[in-house]
Amino acid sequence: MGVANYIELNTGFPRERAHITVRPERSVDVVLGTLSSGQGHATSFAQLIVEWLGVELSEVHLVTGDTDVTVVGGGAHSARALRLAAVVMAKASDQIVEKGKRIAAWMLEAADADIEFSARRFSVKGTDRSVDLFEAAAAALRPDAPQDRRGPLDGTSDETMPVPSFPYGSAVCEVEVDPETGVVELVRYTTVDDCGRAVNPMILHGQTHGGIAQGVGQALWESCAYDAETGQLLSSTLMDYALPRADMLPAFTTEISEVPSTSHPLGL
């Protein structure tokens, strides 16, 4: 049986930028400098926009990896992607709401201070008069819109956040070794991981499962074998390089410990 505990510093590259645009065609474009390699950014990032702007998940389009529109970004490493992207997305979303309130005030012939935003609608306080977020985006592009309220309904945030958080966790692994053949069987693996606040628990569990499989594979089966005389790589295909497969691993027990980070405005 093996037990391992860890604590991680997860700042990574500390700068991130978000540019969010609400399109009249009922879509929200989110341009970020991160890039997913299987972490599910298109889902987790969109969930935050859904919560803040009240749009549908299918209406959020994440744009990454395009250097024509991505001015700056730190990529995905050191557990930084969602942690930093969430801050700049939140600030850009706040800008959209404030800009949208001014547009809605013009549309509804009300004072800016009398407009409130909830569930994708800008409303005049104490009345049933309101306009939709996408209606406001379309109105802002009209030629008769006031000069100080005309233009795309968008928001931009560029932040450098060097203060880290310190996620931690623990893992317990139980194996059985056949004394006659030396075959090692993994019979049980249990982990508890601190993540601050979980935006999408299912994705977090999936990342943990993948990390366990990768670690077990490196410990028990995977090896780059070379010919001692020629230097030729002998394990150059998946016929020779032993990757872990589903039937070689047990069902994992993974738990999430949600302890909001005190060094992050959203607790991530």
Protein backbone atom coordinates (compact mmCIF):
# COMPACT_ATOMS: atom_id res chain seq x y z
CA MET A 1 0.00 0.00 0.00
CA GLY A 2 1.25 3.45 -0.90
CA VAL A 3 0.19 6.84 0.44
CA ALA A 4 1.12 10.20 -1.10
CA ASN A 5 0.24 13.74 -0.08
CA TYR A 6 0.89 16.88 -2.10
CA ILE A 7 0.58 20.63 -2.08
CA GLU A 8 0.89 22.64 -5.29
CA LEU A 9 1.62 26.23 -6.23
CA ASN A 10 -0.49 26.92 -9.30
CA THR A 11 0.25 30.40 -10.59
CA GLY A 12 1.89 29.57 -13.91
CA PHE A 13 2.12 32.48 -16.37
CA PRO A 14 0.27 35.16 -14.39
CA ARG A 15 -1.28 37.22 -17.20
CA GLU A 16 -4.57 36.48 -18.95
CA ARG A 17 -6.95 38.39 -21.20
CA ALA A 18 -10.59 37.95 -22.16
CA HIS A 19 -12.61 39.72 -24.81
CA ILE A 20 -16.33 38.90 -24.74
CA THR A 21 -18.77 40.10 -27.41
CA VAL A 22 -22.56 39.72 -27.41
CA ARG A 23 -23.73 39.30 -31.01
CA PRO A 24 -27.25 40.27 -32.18
CA GLU A 25 -27.35 36.86 -33.86
CA ARG A 26 -27.87 35.36 -30.38
CA SER A 27 -24.32 34.27 -29.71
CA VAL A 28 -21.65 35.25 -27.19
CA ASP A 29 -18.03 35.04 -28.38
CA VAL A 30 -15.40 34.53 -25.68
CA VAL A 31 -11.82 35.08 -26.87
CA LEU A 32 -9.21 33.76 -24.44
CA GLY A 33 -5.49 33.06 -24.43
CA THR A 34 -5.87 29.62 -22.91
CA LEU A 35 -5.98 26.44 -24.98
CA SER A 36 -7.66 23.20 -23.97
CA SER A 37 -5.89 19.88 -24.37
CA GLY A 38 -8.78 17.83 -23.05
CA GLN A 39 -9.72 19.74 -19.88
CA GLY A 40 -13.20 20.66 -21.13
CA HIS A 41 -12.72 24.43 -21.32
CA ALA A 42 -15.57 24.84 -23.80
CA THR A 43 -17.95 23.50 -21.16
CA SER A 44 -16.57 24.92 -17.90
CA PHE A 45 -15.83 28.40 -19.25
CA ALA A 46 -19.23 28.57 -20.94
CA GLN A 47 -20.95 27.59 -17.68
CA LEU A 48 -19.62 30.73 -16.03
CA ILE A 49 -20.86 32.95 -18.88
CA VAL A 50 -24.26 31.26 -18.61
CA GLU A 51 -24.39 32.09 -14.90
CA TRP A 52 -23.29 35.71 -15.29
CA LEU A 53 -25.19 36.70 -18.45
CA GLY A 54 -28.14 34.30 -18.34
CA VAL A 55 -27.65 32.97 -21.87
CA GLU A 56 -27.93 29.37 -23.04
CA LEU A 57 -24.88 27.11 -23.03
CA SER A 58 -25.26 26.56 -26.77
CA GLU A 59 -25.07 30.34 -27.34
CA VAL A 60 -21.54 30.63 -25.89
CA HIS A 61 -18.65 30.14 -28.33
CA LEU A 62 -15.13 29.86 -26.95
CA VAL A 63 -12.43 31.13 -29.31
CA THR A 64 -8.87 30.02 -28.49
CA GLY A 65 -5.70 29.29 -30.40
CA ASP A 66 -6.37 31.97 -33.02
CA THR A 67 -3.48 34.45 -33.07
CA ASP A 68 -5.47 36.82 -35.29
CA VAL A 69 -7.81 37.61 -32.39
CA THR A 70 -5.91 36.46 -29.29
CA VAL A 71 -3.73 39.38 -28.23
CA VAL A 72 -2.12 37.75 -25.20
CA GLY A 73 -2.55 34.64 -23.10
CA GLY A 74 -0.74 32.16 -20.91
CA GLY A 75 -2.08 28.88 -22.24
CA ALA A 76 -3.03 25.91 -20.05
CA HIS A 77 -0.45 24.74 -17.53
CA SER A 78 0.14 24.67 -13.78
CA ALA A 79 -3.63 24.51 -13.12
CA ARG A 80 -3.88 28.16 -14.22
CA ALA A 81 -6.42 28.12 -17.06
CA LEU A 82 -9.78 28.36 -15.33
CA ARG A 83 -8.34 30.05 -12.27
CA LEU A 84 -7.05 33.05 -14.24
CA ALA A 85 -9.58 32.99 -17.07
CA ALA A 86 -12.50 33.16 -14.64
CA VAL A 87 -11.28 36.50 -13.25
CA VAL A 88 -10.93 38.22 -16.62
CA MET A 89 -14.18 36.69 -17.92
CA ALA A 90 -16.01 37.97 -14.83
CA LYS A 91 -14.69 41.50 -15.26
CA ALA A 92 -15.45 41.52 -18.99
CA SER A 93 -18.99 40.27 -18.25
CA ASP A 94 -19.46 43.07 -15.70
CA GLN A 95 -18.47 45.60 -18.37
CA ILE A 96 -21.07 44.12 -20.73
CA VAL A 97 -23.78 44.41 -18.10
CA GLU A 98 -22.90 48.03 -17.34
CA LYS A 99 -22.74 48.94 -21.02
CA GLY A 100 -25.99 47.07 -21.64
CA LYS A 101 -27.73 49.01 -18.86
CA ARG A 102 -26.91 52.30 -20.60
CA ILE A 103 -28.19 50.97 -23.92
CA ALA A 104 -31.37 49.64 -22.30
CA ALA A 105 -31.95 52.97 -20.55
CA TRP A 106 -31.96 54.66 -23.96
CA MET A 107 -34.24 51.99 -25.45
CA LEU A 108 -36.71 52.14 -22.55
CA GLU A 109 -36.48 55.90 -22.07
CA ALA A 110 -35.40 55.55 -18.46
CA ALA A 111 -32.57 56.79 -16.30
CA ASP A 112 -29.40 54.69 -16.25
CA ALA A 113 -29.71 54.23 -12.48
CA ASP A 114 -33.20 52.73 -12.86
CA ILE A 115 -32.05 49.81 -14.98
CA GLU A 116 -31.31 46.42 -13.42
CA PHE A 117 -30.06 43.20 -15.02
CA SER A 118 -31.17 39.66 -14.27
CA ALA A 119 -31.61 36.44 -16.27
CA ARG A 120 -30.51 37.99 -19.57
CA ARG A 121 -32.91 40.92 -19.34
CA PHE A 122 -32.48 44.61 -18.61
CA SER A 123 -35.52 45.93 -16.74
CA VAL A 124 -36.78 49.23 -15.38
CA LYS A 125 -36.97 48.81 -11.61
CA GLY A 126 -40.49 48.35 -10.33
CA THR A 127 -42.03 47.84 -13.78
CA ASP A 128 -42.54 45.04 -16.29
CA ARG A 129 -40.70 46.94 -19.03
CA SER A 130 -37.55 45.15 -20.19
CA VAL A 131 -35.34 44.30 -23.14
CA ASP A 132 -33.34 41.19 -23.88
CA LEU A 133 -29.52 41.10 -23.84
CA PHE A 134 -29.38 40.31 -27.56
CA GLU A 135 -31.94 43.05 -28.34
CA ALA A 136 -29.66 45.52 -26.58
CA ALA A 137 -26.69 44.27 -28.62
CA ALA A 138 -28.64 44.84 -31.83
CA ALA A 139 -29.85 48.29 -30.77
CA ALA A 140 -26.32 49.42 -29.96
CA LEU A 141 -25.38 48.92 -33.61
CA ARG A 142 -28.24 51.02 -34.96
CA PRO A 143 -27.25 54.31 -36.63
CA ASP A 144 -29.68 56.22 -34.41
CA ALA A 145 -28.08 54.98 -31.18
CA PRO A 146 -26.52 57.75 -29.08
CA GLN A 147 -22.85 58.27 -29.85
CA ASP A 148 -21.75 57.38 -26.31
CA ARG A 149 -23.73 54.10 -26.41
CA ARG A 150 -23.16 53.01 -29.98
CA GLY A 151 -20.95 50.06 -30.92
CA PRO A 152 -20.52 46.39 -30.13
CA LEU A 153 -21.83 45.17 -26.78
CA ASP A 154 -18.54 43.82 -25.51
CA GLY A 155 -16.08 43.84 -22.63
CA THR A 156 -12.33 43.35 -22.29
CA SER A 157 -10.22 42.51 -19.28
CA ASP A 158 -6.44 42.06 -19.19
CA GLU A 159 -5.07 41.16 -15.77
CA THR A 160 -1.79 40.04 -14.23
CA MET A 161 -2.40 37.95 -11.11
CA PRO A 162 0.86 36.72 -9.56
CA VAL A 163 -0.65 35.69 -6.21
CA PRO A 164 -0.93 31.88 -6.16
CA SER A 165 -3.28 29.51 -4.42
CA PHE A 166 -2.15 26.27 -2.84
CA PRO A 167 -4.34 23.26 -3.72
CA TYR A 168 -3.56 20.04 -1.91
CA GLY A 169 -4.60 16.42 -1.86
CA SER A 170 -3.93 12.86 -0.87
CA ALA A 171 -3.87 9.50 -2.65
CA VAL A 172 -3.89 5.92 -1.38
CA CYS A 173 -3.00 3.03 -3.68
CA GLU A 174 -3.34 -0.68 -2.88
CA VAL A 175 -1.65 -3.32 -5.04
CA GLU A 176 -1.29 -7.08 -4.92
CA VAL A 177 1.84 -8.86 -6.17
CA ASP A 178 1.76 -12.47 -7.31
CA PRO A 179 4.80 -14.05 -5.56
CA GLU A 180 5.24 -16.67 -8.28
CA THR A 181 4.98 -14.52 -11.40
CA GLY A 182 5.73 -11.04 -10.01
CA VAL A 183 2.63 -9.65 -11.72
CA VAL A 184 1.39 -6.47 -10.03
CA GLU A 185 -2.36 -5.92 -9.85
CA LEU A 186 -3.82 -2.57 -8.89
CA VAL A 187 -6.81 -3.42 -6.69
CA ARG A 188 -7.81 -0.06 -5.19
CA TYR A 189 -7.03 3.62 -5.71
CA THR A 190 -8.56 6.46 -3.69
CA THR A 191 -7.91 10.20 -3.91
CA VAL A 192 -9.12 13.42 -2.31
CA ASP A 193 -8.24 16.67 -4.11
CA ASP A 194 -8.79 20.28 -3.10
CA CYS A 195 -9.98 22.40 -6.03
CA GLY A 196 -11.19 25.61 -4.43
CA ARG A 197 -14.65 25.74 -5.97
CA ALA A 198 -15.76 23.13 -8.50
CA VAL A 199 -17.32 24.65 -11.62
CA ASN A 200 -17.97 21.23 -13.18
CA PRO A 201 -17.44 18.30 -10.77
CA MET A 202 -17.84 15.67 -13.49
CA ILE A 203 -14.98 17.15 -15.52
CA LEU A 204 -12.82 17.33 -12.38
CA HIS A 205 -13.42 13.66 -11.62
CA GLY A 206 -12.60 12.83 -15.24
CA GLN A 207 -9.31 14.72 -15.04
CA THR A 208 -8.46 12.86 -11.82
CA HIS A 209 -9.21 9.49 -13.44
CA GLY A 210 -6.99 10.37 -16.38
CA GLY A 211 -4.17 11.50 -14.12
CA ILE A 212 -4.33 8.27 -12.12
CA ALA A 213 -4.23 6.15 -15.26
CA GLN A 214 -1.27 8.14 -16.59
CA GLY A 215 0.66 7.81 -13.33
CA VAL A 216 -0.04 4.09 -12.97
CA GLY A 217 1.01 3.52 -16.57
CA GLN A 218 4.33 5.27 -16.01
CA ALA A 219 4.95 3.36 -12.78
CA LEU A 220 4.09 -0.15 -13.98
CA TRP A 221 4.12 -0.53 -17.75
CA GLU A 222 5.32 2.37 -19.88
CA SER A 223 8.97 2.44 -20.92
CA CYS A 224 11.03 3.85 -23.79
CA ALA A 225 13.30 0.93 -24.66
CA TYR A 226 16.38 1.45 -26.87
CA ASP A 227 18.76 -0.99 -28.48
CA ALA A 228 22.00 -0.75 -26.49
CA GLU A 229 24.20 -1.02 -29.59
CA THR A 230 22.35 0.99 -32.22
CA GLY A 231 20.31 3.39 -30.13
CA GLN A 232 17.22 2.39 -32.12
CA LEU A 233 13.94 2.99 -30.26
CA LEU A 234 12.36 -0.43 -29.76
CA SER A 235 9.03 0.70 -28.28
CA SER A 236 8.11 3.04 -31.12
CA THR A 237 4.51 1.90 -31.67
CA LEU A 238 1.56 1.13 -29.42
CA MET A 239 2.17 -2.55 -30.20
CA ASP A 240 5.39 -2.27 -28.16
CA TYR A 241 4.78 0.67 -25.83
CA ALA A 242 2.55 -0.62 -23.03
CA LEU A 243 -0.18 1.89 -22.26
CA PRO A 244 -2.72 1.16 -19.49
CA ARG A 245 -6.10 -0.04 -20.68
CA ALA A 246 -9.48 0.07 -18.99
CA ASP A 247 -9.48 -3.64 -18.10
CA MET A 248 -6.11 -3.25 -16.36
CA LEU A 249 -7.43 -0.71 -13.83
CA PRO A 250 -10.02 -0.89 -11.04
CA ALA A 251 -12.87 1.57 -10.46
CA PHE A 252 -11.30 4.61 -8.80
CA THR A 253 -12.72 6.38 -5.76
CA THR A 254 -12.22 10.11 -6.20
CA GLU A 255 -13.48 12.85 -3.93
CA ILE A 256 -13.39 16.64 -4.27
CA SER A 257 -12.68 18.90 -1.32
CA GLU A 258 -14.17 22.33 -2.00
CA VAL A 259 -12.31 24.84 0.15
CA PRO A 260 -12.58 28.31 -1.47
CA SER A 261 -9.19 29.91 -2.01
CA THR A 262 -8.69 33.05 0.06
CA SER A 263 -6.25 34.44 -2.52
CA HIS A 264 -8.71 34.32 -5.44
CA PRO A 265 -11.73 36.62 -5.87
CA LEU A 266 -13.92 33.70 -6.97
CA GLY A 267 -12.42 31.15 -4.58
CA LEU A 268 -10.86 29.06 -7.38
